[in-house]
Amino acid sequence: MTHIPLHASALPGSEGTLYVVATPIGNLGDLTLRAIEVLRKVDLIAAEDTRTSRPLLDHFGIMAPLISLHQHNEREKAQLLIRKLQEGHSVALISDAGTPAISDPGARVVDEVLNAGGKVVPIPGVSAVTTLLSVAGMTCPQFYFHGFLPAKKGERQRQIQSLGNLDAVVVFYEAPHRILATLTVLAQEWGGARRVTLGRELTKRFETLHRSTLEEAVLWVQADPNQQRGEFVLAIEPAPVVVQAATALEPSQERWLAVLLTRLPVKEAVQLMGEATGLPRNQLYAEALRVKGP
């Protein structure tokens, strides 16, 4: 794999570094030793919400000054952080919980710092996506992380429909006031038999993991109002593979196909045979290529 160094080529003489630091999604013990070390040594911490981050930092004796950086001021604050880096200051970027830029602010800042030639260093840690997947027991090696679905019912349904046939585990974030509606639409559009692992309040006091079919998950959430509180992550198994049995042509049908192929291009011969027999066009096309030969 090619290594692309993130050196400050456009910031001559600068030693400033932007650290992208993952913070706990609930349990404070999940903050890594390396993250604590970095947060203690940086000159400035850009936090999604300073009111949320200050108790975490106080718990670990981290005294660096805080500035807010959220989705509404990210472009403006990116320029401020670039200036700080140009002056040689080190900056940490954190979100309210988890890894910045994963359905949280941060990606725009990282992009603009890199475009300016700045140095960006990841300090990995907790992400709700991988936290749930690690205990979902889904053996498919591929997963697709979608993040939050749209709040509007029609747009949410359209996105769910578009994702239904992915050959991968699909992971969503969802808000408490929409969890029941989202599970209901998923069961309707993808089929109630699809398996889902639902994580609620991961790593927190009321952490809940529920594994069932989508249909059963709807009933489970309906039955207990407590399961409609907190932050949710859903991992849903891939669409089932539909294997269509191969149906060989009858001898008379194969003879007619061979005759048509002597007089017509493959596409037209397949179209006529399809109209006459009602057989699937893709099967007839494969048979036509076999009969016609190389």
Protein backbone atom coordinates (compact mmCIF):
# COMPACT_ATOMS: atom_id res chain seq x y z
CA MET A 1 0.00 0.00 0.00
CA THR A 2 1.32 3.44 -0.93
CA HIS A 3 1.96 5.73 2.02
CA ILE A 4 1.02 9.38 1.44
CA PRO A 5 2.69 11.58 4.08
CA LEU A 6 0.62 14.48 5.40
CA HIS A 7 3.44 17.00 5.71
CA ALA A 8 2.90 20.74 6.07
CA SER A 9 4.28 21.55 2.63
CA ALA A 10 2.20 24.74 2.31
CA LEU A 11 2.90 25.86 5.85
CA PRO A 12 6.68 26.41 5.79
CA GLY A 13 8.34 26.15 9.16
CA SER A 14 5.13 25.22 10.93
CA GLU A 15 5.12 22.47 13.52
CA GLY A 16 1.40 22.76 14.19
CA THR A 17 -0.55 19.51 14.06
CA LEU A 18 -4.27 18.84 13.97
CA TYR A 19 -5.10 15.75 16.03
CA VAL A 20 -8.45 14.09 15.30
CA VAL A 21 -9.25 12.49 18.65
CA ALA A 22 -11.93 9.88 19.33
CA THR A 23 -13.70 10.29 22.67
CA PRO A 24 -15.98 7.88 24.59
CA ILE A 25 -19.58 7.34 23.45
CA GLY A 26 -20.59 6.77 27.06
CA ASN A 27 -18.14 5.03 29.37
CA LEU A 28 -15.32 7.42 30.31
CA GLY A 29 -12.97 4.47 30.70
CA ASP A 30 -12.93 4.11 26.92
CA LEU A 31 -10.78 7.22 26.43
CA THR A 32 -7.39 5.83 25.43
CA LEU A 33 -4.14 6.67 27.19
CA ARG A 34 -2.82 8.16 23.96
CA ALA A 35 -5.90 10.39 23.61
CA ILE A 36 -5.44 11.66 27.17
CA GLU A 37 -1.77 12.40 26.49
CA VAL A 38 -2.57 14.31 23.30
CA LEU A 39 -5.43 16.30 24.84
CA ARG A 40 -3.17 17.32 27.73
CA LYS A 41 -0.41 18.62 25.49
CA VAL A 42 -2.31 20.49 22.75
CA ASP A 43 -2.68 24.26 22.80
CA LEU A 44 -6.34 24.30 21.80
CA ILE A 45 -9.28 21.88 21.63
CA ALA A 46 -12.05 22.36 19.07
CA ALA A 47 -15.18 20.66 20.44
CA GLU A 48 -18.61 20.12 18.92
CA ASP A 49 -20.25 21.41 22.11
CA THR A 50 -18.00 22.84 24.81
CA ARG A 51 -20.69 22.23 27.47
CA THR A 52 -20.66 18.52 26.67
CA SER A 53 -16.88 18.18 26.43
CA ARG A 54 -15.86 20.20 29.48
CA PRO A 55 -16.94 17.56 32.06
CA LEU A 56 -15.01 14.87 30.18
CA LEU A 57 -11.87 17.00 30.04
CA ASP A 58 -12.20 18.05 33.69
CA HIS A 59 -12.48 14.38 34.69
CA PHE A 60 -9.03 13.73 33.23
CA GLY A 61 -7.46 17.01 34.35
CA ILE A 62 -7.22 18.39 30.80
CA MET A 63 -6.96 22.18 30.97
CA ALA A 64 -6.51 23.23 27.33
CA PRO A 65 -8.81 26.07 26.21
CA LEU A 66 -11.93 25.11 24.25
CA ILE A 67 -13.61 26.59 21.19
CA SER A 68 -16.87 25.37 19.68
CA LEU A 69 -16.84 23.80 16.23
CA HIS A 70 -20.17 22.48 14.95
CA GLN A 71 -21.95 21.93 11.64
CA HIS A 72 -23.05 25.57 11.39
CA ASN A 73 -19.65 27.21 11.89
CA GLU A 74 -17.26 24.54 10.61
CA ARG A 75 -16.11 26.43 7.50
CA GLU A 76 -15.44 29.61 9.47
CA LYS A 77 -13.63 27.82 12.30
CA ALA A 78 -11.55 25.81 9.82
CA GLN A 79 -9.84 29.04 8.78
CA LEU A 80 -9.17 29.94 12.41
CA LEU A 81 -7.61 26.54 13.05
CA ILE A 82 -5.44 26.82 9.94
CA ARG A 83 -4.11 30.14 11.24
CA LYS A 84 -3.36 28.54 14.62
CA LEU A 85 -1.49 25.72 12.89
CA GLN A 86 0.46 28.23 10.80
CA GLU A 87 1.55 29.87 14.02
CA GLY A 88 2.89 26.53 15.24
CA HIS A 89 0.11 25.67 17.67
CA SER A 90 -1.19 22.13 18.09
CA VAL A 91 -4.95 21.59 17.98
CA ALA A 92 -7.19 18.65 18.92
CA LEU A 93 -10.53 18.10 17.22
CA ILE A 94 -13.19 16.22 19.20
CA SER A 95 -16.93 15.62 18.85
CA ASP A 96 -19.54 15.17 21.56
CA ALA A 97 -18.95 11.41 21.47
CA GLY A 98 -17.09 8.95 19.28
CA THR A 99 -14.88 9.70 16.30
CA PRO A 100 -15.09 13.14 14.64
CA ALA A 101 -16.32 13.26 11.02
CA ILE A 102 -18.31 10.01 11.41
CA SER A 103 -21.85 11.48 11.24
CA ASP A 104 -20.39 14.35 13.25
CA PRO A 105 -18.61 17.61 12.36
CA GLY A 106 -14.95 17.41 11.42
CA ALA A 107 -14.64 16.28 7.80
CA ARG A 108 -14.71 19.81 6.40
CA VAL A 109 -12.03 20.99 8.84
CA VAL A 110 -9.77 18.05 8.00
CA ASP A 111 -10.29 18.64 4.27
CA GLU A 112 -9.41 22.32 4.48
CA VAL A 113 -6.38 21.76 6.72
CA LEU A 114 -5.07 19.12 4.30
CA ASN A 115 -5.73 21.39 1.32
CA ALA A 116 -3.67 24.06 3.07
CA GLY A 117 -0.82 21.58 3.45
CA GLY A 118 -1.34 21.03 7.14
CA LYS A 119 -0.49 17.94 9.13
CA VAL A 120 -3.37 15.79 10.40
CA VAL A 121 -2.88 12.87 12.81
CA PRO A 122 -5.63 10.40 13.80
CA ILE A 123 -5.95 9.37 17.45
CA PRO A 124 -8.28 6.37 17.10
CA GLY A 125 -10.75 5.11 19.62
CA VAL A 126 -14.44 4.43 20.00
CA SER A 127 -16.96 4.55 17.16
CA ALA A 128 -20.57 3.47 17.65
CA VAL A 129 -20.47 1.76 14.24
CA THR A 130 -17.66 -0.67 15.04
CA THR A 131 -18.84 -1.03 18.64
CA LEU A 132 -22.16 -2.49 17.47
CA LEU A 133 -20.73 -4.52 14.58
CA SER A 134 -18.31 -6.25 16.94
CA VAL A 135 -21.22 -7.79 18.87
CA ALA A 136 -23.77 -8.17 16.07
CA GLY A 137 -22.58 -11.64 15.07
CA MET A 138 -23.07 -10.94 11.38
CA THR A 139 -20.59 -12.94 9.32
CA CYS A 140 -20.81 -10.91 6.11
CA PRO A 141 -17.37 -9.21 5.81
CA GLN A 142 -18.73 -6.11 4.09
CA PHE A 143 -20.73 -3.35 5.73
CA TYR A 144 -22.23 -0.10 4.49
CA PHE A 145 -22.50 2.75 7.00
CA HIS A 146 -25.34 5.10 6.07
CA GLY A 147 -25.50 7.25 9.18
CA PHE A 148 -28.78 9.01 9.90
CA LEU A 149 -31.79 8.61 7.63
CA PRO A 150 -33.74 11.75 6.63
CA ALA A 151 -36.27 13.06 9.12
CA LYS A 152 -38.99 13.45 6.49
CA LYS A 153 -41.08 10.31 6.04
CA GLY A 154 -41.07 10.23 2.22
CA GLU A 155 -37.32 10.82 1.87
CA ARG A 156 -36.61 8.24 4.59
CA GLN A 157 -38.70 5.63 2.80
CA ARG A 158 -37.02 6.32 -0.56
CA GLN A 159 -33.55 5.92 0.94
CA ILE A 160 -34.54 2.69 2.67
CA GLN A 161 -35.91 1.34 -0.61
CA SER A 162 -32.68 2.21 -2.43
CA LEU A 163 -30.54 0.32 0.10
CA GLY A 164 -32.63 -2.83 0.34
CA ASN A 165 -30.63 -5.05 -2.01
CA LEU A 166 -27.10 -4.22 -0.89
CA ASP A 167 -24.86 -7.26 -0.48
CA ALA A 168 -23.54 -5.94 2.82
CA VAL A 169 -24.57 -5.35 6.41
CA VAL A 170 -26.25 -1.92 6.53
CA VAL A 171 -25.68 0.28 9.59
CA PHE A 172 -27.88 3.21 10.57
CA TYR A 173 -27.91 5.74 13.39
CA GLU A 174 -31.37 6.71 14.62
CA ALA A 175 -32.95 9.15 17.05
CA PRO A 176 -35.27 7.92 19.82
CA HIS A 177 -38.38 9.68 18.49
CA ARG A 178 -37.97 7.99 15.08
CA ILE A 179 -36.76 4.50 16.02
CA LEU A 180 -40.19 2.83 15.88
CA ALA A 181 -41.15 4.48 12.58
CA THR A 182 -37.81 3.53 11.00
CA LEU A 183 -38.01 -0.10 12.13
CA THR A 184 -41.58 -0.29 10.80
CA VAL A 185 -40.58 1.00 7.35
CA LEU A 186 -37.55 -1.30 7.26
CA ALA A 187 -39.76 -4.31 8.00
CA GLN A 188 -42.26 -3.25 5.35
CA GLU A 189 -39.70 -2.52 2.64
CA TRP A 190 -37.06 -5.19 3.34
CA GLY A 191 -39.25 -7.92 4.76
CA GLY A 192 -39.91 -8.71 8.40
CA ALA A 193 -37.64 -11.78 8.33
CA ARG A 194 -34.41 -9.78 7.87
CA ARG A 195 -32.24 -10.00 10.98
CA VAL A 196 -31.32 -6.84 12.87
CA THR A 197 -29.07 -6.11 15.83
CA LEU A 198 -30.15 -2.99 17.69
CA GLY A 199 -27.79 -1.18 20.05
CA ARG A 200 -29.24 1.40 22.45
CA GLU A 201 -27.14 3.67 24.68
CA LEU A 202 -23.97 1.72 23.89
CA THR A 203 -21.39 1.64 26.74
CA LYS A 204 -23.74 3.66 28.98
CA ARG A 205 -25.64 2.68 32.11
CA PHE A 206 -28.75 1.50 30.27
CA GLU A 207 -26.94 -0.17 27.38
CA THR A 208 -29.24 -2.57 25.54
CA LEU A 209 -28.45 -5.03 22.76
CA HIS A 210 -31.34 -6.72 20.99
CA ARG A 211 -31.00 -9.25 18.17
CA SER A 212 -34.08 -10.42 16.28
CA THR A 213 -35.91 -10.16 12.98
CA LEU A 214 -37.13 -6.73 11.91
CA GLU A 215 -40.71 -7.79 12.53
CA GLU A 216 -39.89 -8.91 16.08
CA ALA A 217 -37.89 -5.72 16.70
CA VAL A 218 -40.92 -3.58 15.87
CA LEU A 219 -43.04 -5.48 18.42
CA TRP A 220 -40.25 -5.34 21.03
CA VAL A 221 -39.90 -1.56 20.75
CA GLN A 222 -43.67 -1.08 20.77
CA ALA A 223 -44.06 -3.17 23.90
CA ASP A 224 -41.61 -1.20 26.06
CA PRO A 225 -41.49 2.63 26.00
CA ASN A 226 -38.04 2.47 27.63
CA GLN A 227 -36.72 1.02 24.38
CA GLN A 228 -37.68 4.26 22.64
CA ARG A 229 -35.21 6.34 24.64
CA GLY A 230 -31.55 7.10 24.05
CA GLU A 231 -29.27 6.83 21.04
CA PHE A 232 -29.59 3.94 18.61
CA VAL A 233 -27.41 2.06 16.15
CA LEU A 234 -28.93 -0.58 13.86
CA ALA A 235 -27.06 -3.27 11.94
CA ILE A 236 -29.17 -5.19 9.43
CA GLU A 237 -28.09 -8.33 7.60
CA PRO A 238 -27.64 -8.29 3.79
CA ALA A 239 -30.48 -9.02 1.43
CA PRO A 240 -30.98 -12.75 0.92
CA VAL A 241 -29.46 -14.15 -2.25
CA VAL A 242 -32.19 -15.32 -4.59
CA VAL A 243 -31.03 -18.32 -6.58
CA GLN A 244 -33.16 -18.97 -9.61
CA ALA A 245 -33.28 -22.57 -10.74
CA ALA A 246 -31.94 -23.04 -14.23
CA THR A 247 -34.63 -24.39 -16.54
CA ALA A 248 -33.20 -25.88 -19.70
CA LEU A 249 -35.09 -25.42 -22.94
CA GLU A 250 -37.20 -28.26 -24.19
CA PRO A 251 -35.76 -29.95 -27.31
CA SER A 252 -38.39 -28.38 -29.60
CA GLN A 253 -37.72 -24.93 -28.14
CA GLU A 254 -33.99 -25.34 -28.63
CA ARG A 255 -34.56 -26.32 -32.29
CA TRP A 256 -36.73 -23.27 -32.90
CA LEU A 257 -34.11 -21.06 -31.26
CA ALA A 258 -31.41 -22.55 -33.49
CA VAL A 259 -33.53 -21.84 -36.59
CA LEU A 260 -34.16 -18.25 -35.52
CA LEU A 261 -30.44 -17.72 -34.91
CA THR A 262 -29.67 -18.70 -38.51
CA ARG A 263 -31.89 -15.87 -39.74
CA LEU A 264 -31.82 -13.19 -37.02
CA PRO A 265 -29.37 -11.46 -34.70
CA VAL A 266 -29.23 -12.86 -31.17
CA LYS A 267 -31.20 -9.97 -29.65
CA GLU A 268 -34.12 -10.33 -32.06
CA ALA A 269 -34.14 -14.14 -31.83
CA VAL A 270 -34.27 -13.92 -28.03
CA GLN A 271 -37.10 -11.37 -28.18
CA LEU A 272 -39.23 -13.60 -30.43
CA MET A 273 -38.59 -16.69 -28.30
CA GLY A 274 -39.48 -14.76 -25.19
CA GLU A 275 -42.79 -13.64 -26.68
CA ALA A 276 -43.56 -17.19 -27.83
CA THR A 277 -42.57 -19.08 -24.68
CA GLY A 278 -42.77 -16.60 -21.81
CA LEU A 279 -39.34 -17.72 -20.61
CA PRO A 280 -37.04 -15.17 -18.90
CA ARG A 281 -35.10 -13.03 -21.37
CA ASN A 282 -31.77 -13.48 -19.54
CA GLN A 283 -32.12 -17.29 -19.63
CA LEU A 284 -32.97 -17.25 -23.34
CA TYR A 285 -30.00 -15.00 -24.04
CA ALA A 286 -27.63 -17.41 -22.28
CA GLU A 287 -29.14 -20.34 -24.21
CA ALA A 288 -28.84 -18.43 -27.50
CA LEU A 289 -25.13 -17.83 -26.91
CA ARG A 290 -24.65 -21.52 -26.11
CA VAL A 291 -26.57 -22.70 -29.21
CA LYS A 292 -24.90 -20.19 -31.52
CA GLY A 293 -21.46 -21.18 -30.28
CA PRO A 294 -18.23 -19.22 -30.71
